[in-house]
Amino acid sequence: MQITNNTVVTIDYTLTNDAGDVIDSSNGGEPMAYLHGARNIIPGLEAALEGKSAGDVVKVHVEPDDAYGQHHEGLIQAIDRAMFEGVDTLEVGMEFHAQANDGSMQIVRIVSIDGDDVTIDANHPLAGVPLNFDVTVVEVRDATEEELSHGHVHGPDGHAH
């Protein structure tokens, strides 16, 4: 069976940056499953897997525009420590959910602390980074009606959220 929209695809993968540093990998863990065509993975990787079958090995380089987008300086801002009401200790690298100007939720990361000034970054940590995937397609199957209606893969025992 070939990978097309509305198929559940299971892959083993290693993700590296251009320097060859491993960013993420399923090596030593469970393969990753996703619903093809539902925007569950970055567009550049999804496009590269289109038409592949179980057993295929794919190496793909994905530029930022087809991954997590470009890094935008406008998504970095200094805010007052008081905005973190109820959090006793703040540290660089901590992540928080915050409401964006359009009302949606986004993840922000603390990138620096200078007294009461806390600088946060709402860019994805991989924004602006070219990515390299080494992927082996493990399995391709038709998605269930429930998976299609929910827009993501469910575990072997069905609905789990």
C-alpha atoms as a PDB file:
ATOM      1  CA  MET A   1       0.000   0.000   0.000  1.00  0.00           C
ATOM      2  CA  GLN A   2       1.294   3.453  -0.887  1.00  0.00           C
ATOM      3  CA  ILE A   3       1.253   6.510   1.344  1.00  0.00           C
ATOM      4  CA  THR A   4      -1.600   8.791   0.309  1.00  0.00           C
ATOM      5  CA  ASN A   5      -3.985  11.098   2.133  1.00  0.00           C
ATOM      6  CA  ASN A   6      -6.013   9.355   4.836  1.00  0.00           C
ATOM      7  CA  THR A   7      -3.487   6.578   5.431  1.00  0.00           C
ATOM      8  CA  VAL A   8      -1.858   5.922   8.781  1.00  0.00           C
ATOM      9  CA  VAL A   9       1.899   5.827   8.340  1.00  0.00           C
ATOM     10  CA  THR A  10       4.349   4.404  10.866  1.00  0.00           C
ATOM     11  CA  ILE A  11       7.985   5.450  10.509  1.00  0.00           C
ATOM     12  CA  ASP A  12      11.338   5.015  12.172  1.00  0.00           C
ATOM     13  CA  TYR A  13      13.331   8.222  11.837  1.00  0.00           C
ATOM     14  CA  THR A  14      16.386  10.187  12.811  1.00  0.00           C
ATOM     15  CA  LEU A  15      16.277  13.972  12.575  1.00  0.00           C
ATOM     16  CA  THR A  16      19.531  15.942  12.340  1.00  0.00           C
ATOM     17  CA  ASN A  17      20.556  19.524  11.679  1.00  0.00           C
ATOM     18  CA  ASP A  18      23.042  20.464   8.956  1.00  0.00           C
ATOM     19  CA  ALA A  19      25.954  19.977  11.382  1.00  0.00           C
ATOM     20  CA  GLY A  20      24.875  16.334  11.817  1.00  0.00           C
ATOM     21  CA  ASP A  21      23.706  16.762  15.409  1.00  0.00           C
ATOM     22  CA  VAL A  22      20.813  14.424  16.259  1.00  0.00           C
ATOM     23  CA  ILE A  23      17.770  16.483  17.235  1.00  0.00           C
ATOM     24  CA  ASP A  24      15.309  13.608  17.622  1.00  0.00           C
ATOM     25  CA  SER A  25      15.090   9.929  16.811  1.00  0.00           C
ATOM     26  CA  SER A  26      12.804   6.962  17.248  1.00  0.00           C
ATOM     27  CA  ASN A  27      15.918   4.771  17.569  1.00  0.00           C
ATOM     28  CA  GLY A  28      15.579   2.715  20.734  1.00  0.00           C
ATOM     29  CA  GLY A  29      11.906   3.617  21.070  1.00  0.00           C
ATOM     30  CA  GLU A  30       8.608   3.122  19.338  1.00  0.00           C
ATOM     31  CA  PRO A  31       8.174   4.163  15.709  1.00  0.00           C
ATOM     32  CA  MET A  32       6.062   7.275  15.142  1.00  0.00           C
ATOM     33  CA  ALA A  33       2.599   6.978  13.588  1.00  0.00           C
ATOM     34  CA  TYR A  34       0.772   9.849  11.909  1.00  0.00           C
ATOM     35  CA  LEU A  35      -2.256  10.479   9.690  1.00  0.00           C
ATOM     36  CA  HIS A  36      -0.996  11.432   6.236  1.00  0.00           C
ATOM     37  CA  GLY A  37      -2.608  14.581   4.814  1.00  0.00           C
ATOM     38  CA  ALA A  38      -3.850  15.836   8.197  1.00  0.00           C
ATOM     39  CA  ARG A  39      -0.894  18.152   8.870  1.00  0.00           C
ATOM     40  CA  ASN A  40       0.323  15.936  11.714  1.00  0.00           C
ATOM     41  CA  ILE A  41       3.948  16.345  10.551  1.00  0.00           C
ATOM     42  CA  ILE A  42       5.889  19.109   8.818  1.00  0.00           C
ATOM     43  CA  PRO A  43       4.920  19.690   5.172  1.00  0.00           C
ATOM     44  CA  GLY A  44       8.354  18.976   3.699  1.00  0.00           C
ATOM     45  CA  LEU A  45       8.581  15.531   5.266  1.00  0.00           C
ATOM     46  CA  GLU A  46       4.976  14.702   4.430  1.00  0.00           C
ATOM     47  CA  ALA A  47       5.552  15.611   0.763  1.00  0.00           C
ATOM     48  CA  ALA A  48       8.697  13.457   0.616  1.00  0.00           C
ATOM     49  CA  LEU A  49       6.796  10.433   1.977  1.00  0.00           C
ATOM     50  CA  GLU A  50       3.879  10.718  -0.475  1.00  0.00           C
ATOM     51  CA  GLY A  51       3.713   7.577  -2.631  1.00  0.00           C
ATOM     52  CA  LYS A  52       6.196   5.568  -0.558  1.00  0.00           C
ATOM     53  CA  SER A  53       5.462   2.087   0.826  1.00  0.00           C
ATOM     54  CA  ALA A  54       6.452  -0.052   3.811  1.00  0.00           C
ATOM     55  CA  GLY A  55      10.160  -0.832   3.645  1.00  0.00           C
ATOM     56  CA  ASP A  56      11.096   2.305   1.696  1.00  0.00           C
ATOM     57  CA  VAL A  57      14.014   4.342   3.019  1.00  0.00           C
ATOM     58  CA  VAL A  58      13.852   8.102   2.496  1.00  0.00           C
ATOM     59  CA  LYS A  59      16.516  10.717   3.127  1.00  0.00           C
ATOM     60  CA  VAL A  60      15.190  14.241   2.830  1.00  0.00           C
ATOM     61  CA  HIS A  61      16.517  17.739   3.470  1.00  0.00           C
ATOM     62  CA  VAL A  62      13.765  20.172   4.503  1.00  0.00           C
ATOM     63  CA  GLU A  63      14.237  23.931   4.413  1.00  0.00           C
ATOM     64  CA  PRO A  64      12.669  26.033   7.206  1.00  0.00           C
ATOM     65  CA  ASP A  65       9.754  27.242   5.049  1.00  0.00           C
ATOM     66  CA  ASP A  66       8.616  23.602   4.698  1.00  0.00           C
ATOM     67  CA  ALA A  67       9.341  22.794   8.341  1.00  0.00           C
ATOM     68  CA  TYR A  68       8.787  25.128  11.309  1.00  0.00           C
ATOM     69  CA  GLY A  69       9.073  28.371   9.367  1.00  0.00           C
ATOM     70  CA  GLN A  70      11.565  31.182   9.581  1.00  0.00           C
ATOM     71  CA  HIS A  71      12.735  32.630  12.890  1.00  0.00           C
ATOM     72  CA  HIS A  72      10.932  35.943  13.540  1.00  0.00           C
ATOM     73  CA  GLU A  73      12.518  38.500  15.857  1.00  0.00           C
ATOM     74  CA  GLY A  74       9.044  39.955  16.440  1.00  0.00           C
ATOM     75  CA  LEU A  75       8.131  36.832  18.403  1.00  0.00           C
ATOM     76  CA  ILE A  76      10.771  37.642  21.021  1.00  0.00           C
ATOM     77  CA  GLN A  77       9.815  40.125  23.706  1.00  0.00           C
ATOM     78  CA  ALA A  78      10.730  41.232  27.208  1.00  0.00           C
ATOM     79  CA  ILE A  79       7.942  41.096  29.768  1.00  0.00           C
ATOM     80  CA  ASP A  80       7.762  41.799  33.471  1.00  0.00           C
ATOM     81  CA  ARG A  81       8.372  38.911  35.884  1.00  0.00           C
ATOM     82  CA  ALA A  82       4.962  39.748  37.433  1.00  0.00           C
ATOM     83  CA  MET A  83       3.327  38.210  34.333  1.00  0.00           C
ATOM     84  CA  PHE A  84       4.340  34.792  35.721  1.00  0.00           C
ATOM     85  CA  GLU A  85       1.981  35.005  38.675  1.00  0.00           C
ATOM     86  CA  GLY A  86       2.070  31.875  40.821  1.00  0.00           C
ATOM     87  CA  VAL A  87       5.425  30.652  39.483  1.00  0.00           C
ATOM     88  CA  ASP A  88       8.024  30.848  42.245  1.00  0.00           C
ATOM     89  CA  THR A  89      11.152  30.089  40.261  1.00  0.00           C
ATOM     90  CA  LEU A  90      11.835  31.124  36.664  1.00  0.00           C
ATOM     91  CA  GLU A  91      14.689  29.595  34.669  1.00  0.00           C
ATOM     92  CA  VAL A  92      15.964  29.974  31.127  1.00  0.00           C
ATOM     93  CA  GLY A  93      14.515  27.184  28.983  1.00  0.00           C
ATOM     94  CA  MET A  94      11.199  26.917  30.836  1.00  0.00           C
ATOM     95  CA  GLU A  95       8.156  26.745  28.560  1.00  0.00           C
ATOM     96  CA  PHE A  96       4.686  28.134  29.197  1.00  0.00           C
ATOM     97  CA  HIS A  97       1.365  28.239  27.387  1.00  0.00           C
ATOM     98  CA  ALA A  98       0.337  31.797  26.611  1.00  0.00           C
ATOM     99  CA  GLN A  99      -2.560  33.388  24.807  1.00  0.00           C
ATOM    100  CA  ALA A 100      -1.579  35.022  21.512  1.00  0.00           C
ATOM    101  CA  ASN A 101      -3.063  38.311  20.295  1.00  0.00           C
ATOM    102  CA  ASP A 102      -5.532  36.366  18.108  1.00  0.00           C
ATOM    103  CA  GLY A 103      -6.782  34.385  21.126  1.00  0.00           C
ATOM    104  CA  SER A 104      -5.046  31.125  20.194  1.00  0.00           C
ATOM    105  CA  MET A 105      -2.705  29.345  22.580  1.00  0.00           C
ATOM    106  CA  GLN A 106       1.017  29.274  21.873  1.00  0.00           C
ATOM    107  CA  ILE A 107       4.078  27.959  23.652  1.00  0.00           C
ATOM    108  CA  VAL A 108       6.641  30.521  24.763  1.00  0.00           C
ATOM    109  CA  ARG A 109      10.112  29.763  26.064  1.00  0.00           C
ATOM    110  CA  ILE A 110      12.168  31.858  28.491  1.00  0.00           C
ATOM    111  CA  VAL A 111      15.416  32.794  26.744  1.00  0.00           C
ATOM    112  CA  SER A 112      16.889  35.222  29.292  1.00  0.00           C
ATOM    113  CA  ILE A 113      16.229  36.762  32.690  1.00  0.00           C
ATOM    114  CA  ASP A 114      17.629  40.113  33.787  1.00  0.00           C
ATOM    115  CA  GLY A 115      16.192  41.179  37.116  1.00  0.00           C
ATOM    116  CA  ASP A 116      12.447  41.637  36.598  1.00  0.00           C
ATOM    117  CA  ASP A 117      12.797  41.556  32.794  1.00  0.00           C
ATOM    118  CA  VAL A 118      12.045  38.116  31.387  1.00  0.00           C
ATOM    119  CA  THR A 119      12.630  37.643  27.668  1.00  0.00           C
ATOM    120  CA  ILE A 120      10.361  35.099  26.009  1.00  0.00           C
ATOM    121  CA  ASP A 121      10.483  33.594  22.528  1.00  0.00           C
ATOM    122  CA  ALA A 122       7.324  32.326  20.797  1.00  0.00           C
ATOM    123  CA  ASN A 123       9.252  30.911  17.811  1.00  0.00           C
ATOM    124  CA  HIS A 124       9.322  27.129  17.538  1.00  0.00           C
ATOM    125  CA  PRO A 125      12.755  25.971  18.785  1.00  0.00           C
ATOM    126  CA  LEU A 126      13.476  24.658  15.252  1.00  0.00           C
ATOM    127  CA  ALA A 127      12.280  27.784  13.411  1.00  0.00           C
ATOM    128  CA  GLY A 128      14.876  28.845  10.862  1.00  0.00           C
ATOM    129  CA  VAL A 129      16.698  25.497  11.051  1.00  0.00           C
ATOM    130  CA  PRO A 130      17.140  23.317   7.941  1.00  0.00           C
ATOM    131  CA  LEU A 131      16.286  19.720   8.888  1.00  0.00           C
ATOM    132  CA  ASN A 132      17.526  16.357   7.627  1.00  0.00           C
ATOM    133  CA  PHE A 133      15.424  13.238   8.006  1.00  0.00           C
ATOM    134  CA  ASP A 134      16.540   9.642   7.592  1.00  0.00           C
ATOM    135  CA  VAL A 135      13.274   7.690   7.517  1.00  0.00           C
ATOM    136  CA  THR A 136      12.263   4.057   7.119  1.00  0.00           C
ATOM    137  CA  VAL A 137       8.584   3.452   6.394  1.00  0.00           C
ATOM    138  CA  VAL A 138       7.495   0.666   8.756  1.00  0.00           C
ATOM    139  CA  GLU A 139       3.796   0.342   7.940  1.00  0.00           C
ATOM    140  CA  VAL A 140       1.051   1.956   5.868  1.00  0.00           C
ATOM    141  CA  ARG A 141      -2.644   1.241   6.501  1.00  0.00           C
ATOM    142  CA  ASP A 142      -6.015   2.827   5.876  1.00  0.00           C
ATOM    143  CA  ALA A 143      -7.142   5.158   8.640  1.00  0.00           C
ATOM    144  CA  THR A 144     -10.246   4.253  10.601  1.00  0.00           C
ATOM    145  CA  GLU A 145     -13.344   6.444  10.410  1.00  0.00           C
ATOM    146  CA  GLU A 146     -12.682   7.579  13.978  1.00  0.00           C
ATOM    147  CA  GLU A 147      -9.091   8.592  13.126  1.00  0.00           C
ATOM    148  CA  LEU A 148     -10.305  10.499  10.069  1.00  0.00           C
ATOM    149  CA  SER A 149     -12.981  12.342  12.026  1.00  0.00           C
ATOM    150  CA  HIS A 150     -10.511  13.263  14.782  1.00  0.00           C
ATOM    151  CA  GLY A 151      -7.648  14.132  12.410  1.00  0.00           C
ATOM    152  CA  HIS A 152      -5.011  11.996  14.100  1.00  0.00           C
ATOM    153  CA  VAL A 153      -3.943   8.407  14.753  1.00  0.00           C
ATOM    154  CA  HIS A 154      -5.353   6.442  17.651  1.00  0.00           C
ATOM    155  CA  GLY A 155      -3.505   3.704  19.482  1.00  0.00           C
ATOM    156  CA  PRO A 156      -4.026  -0.020  18.977  1.00  0.00           C
ATOM    157  CA  ASP A 157      -6.934   0.014  21.460  1.00  0.00           C
ATOM    158  CA  GLY A 158      -8.752   2.874  19.732  1.00  0.00           C
ATOM    159  CA  HIS A 159      -9.641   6.286  21.105  1.00  0.00           C
ATOM    160  CA  ALA A 160      -7.245   7.333  23.870  1.00  0.00           C
ATOM    161  CA  HIS A 161      -7.962  11.006  24.617  1.00  0.00           C
END
